[in-house]
Amino acid sequence: MLLKKRGVSTVVATLLIVLITIVIGGIVATVVKQFTERSIEESAKCQLYRDYFTFDESFGLTCVNMSAGNITTFSLQAAQVNEELKTPLEGFNIVLSGNKDSIVADVRLNMSGSSALGGIWIFDDPSLVIKLPKQGEIITYAYNASQFYDRLEVYPVVEGEQICAKSDSILLESCGRVT
């Protein structure tokens, strides 16, 4: 007795392939859409902070005092923005870099200042709670580094601990006595 083997007709097979392709396309489109929306939302948060912070050299305090144990001081100015800043600024990251390595100092609103090794504080008073410069304001900070770093970069940090693109950078030089 011969068994009759029957396969799926070509019409049904074609429909199945088209249906599977549509389902896979829908899944890929959903994932891409969610990723794109999230990326656009995150980049929009940082847009107004693109060049928000700049290093101010008018006071002569953006330098490294090697005789005081590599205390790096820097004056940071916040830009005067004409638009309302809808995304709250939580702080900024400072990247200190040298010949062989770099370190990141996280500076957040209302954190305690510290002059200990690796600590950051508002210049003139290590006991003050850290504040951020308001629009148009300049605040000088000090950082107690373990070694000499010759470059400084600042990155705004907005709501949700999102680190934005570099706002400014500066080459550091040796300075006089820091108190």
Foldseek 3Di string as FASTA:
>chain_A
DDDDDDDDDPVVVVVVVVVVVVVVVVVVVVVVVVVVVVVVVLQVLCPQVQQFKEWDCPVVQQAFAVVVQGKGKTKIAGAADPDDNPWAWFFKWKWFAADPGIDIQTAGAQAQADAPEQTKAFAPDRGDGDHDHDHGGMTMMIHRYNDHTFKMWMWIATPPRDTHDTNYMDTHYHDDDGD
